[in-house]
Amino acid sequence: MRVILAEDSTLLREGLVRLLVEEGHEVLAAVGDGDALVAAVRAGADEGVLPDVVCVDVRMPPTHTDEGLRAALTIRETWPSVGVLVLSQYVERSYASELITSGQDRIGYLLKDRVMRVEEFLEALERVGSGGVALDPEVVRQLLSRTTHTDPLLKLTAREREVLAIMAEGHNNTGIAERLFISSSAVEKHANAIFDKLGLTHTPGYNRRIKAVVTYLTN
């Protein structure tokens, strides 16, 4: 895959560049702030070479608050075919929700502790680059937590909540089955129950799995 990295820590940035190159990916650029990230993507677009994924830290210069996420949202709006994998030390709930709901695919949000687990980081990157979704389990847990007055998860059984949480991480039915030690057919049954309780009908060109996740993350 073609990747652009945005990380203000030189040590981590160079380490990720080396890792990605060793895994056979092409790093088009590695920058240290959000403006440089958007500029790098724009330069690639002008040359007809967009990255498959941009990997961006949340907090970067000059204020170290939300520069990375704002750059990610700009990229999602301007170049929707580019996947975005956000890295963060913490769960930035409002911005995470906005990013996740900005499109139906090619998005990821990982806590930096997860990045240190190389296989999980690479799996998430490749999943986003392939058109999927990769969310850190802790991000899912925090974004899905709601008050009992408005929480649509109250419609679901405990098992259906488990299935939805793992679905939100980007796993398919086989992956969910392996995590919960149940059959794929059982997962399919639970998934259909989730869709029914959310009123998500089966319509061509309409991804009920992503819509289910987005509905709960934004409710």
Foldseek 3Di string as FASTA:
>chain_A
DEEEEEAQPPVVQVVVVVVCVVVPYHYQYYYHFLVVVLVSQVVCVVVVHHGLEYEWEQAGPDVGHGRGLVSLLVCCVPPVNHAYAYEYQDQPQVSVLVNLVSDLWLYEYYYVVQVVVPVSVVVQNVQSSVTWYAYDLVNLVVLLDDDPVPRLCVLADPVLVLLLSVLNRGDDLVVSCVVVVHDSVVSVVSLVVLCVSVVNDDDPPDDSSSVSSSVSSVD
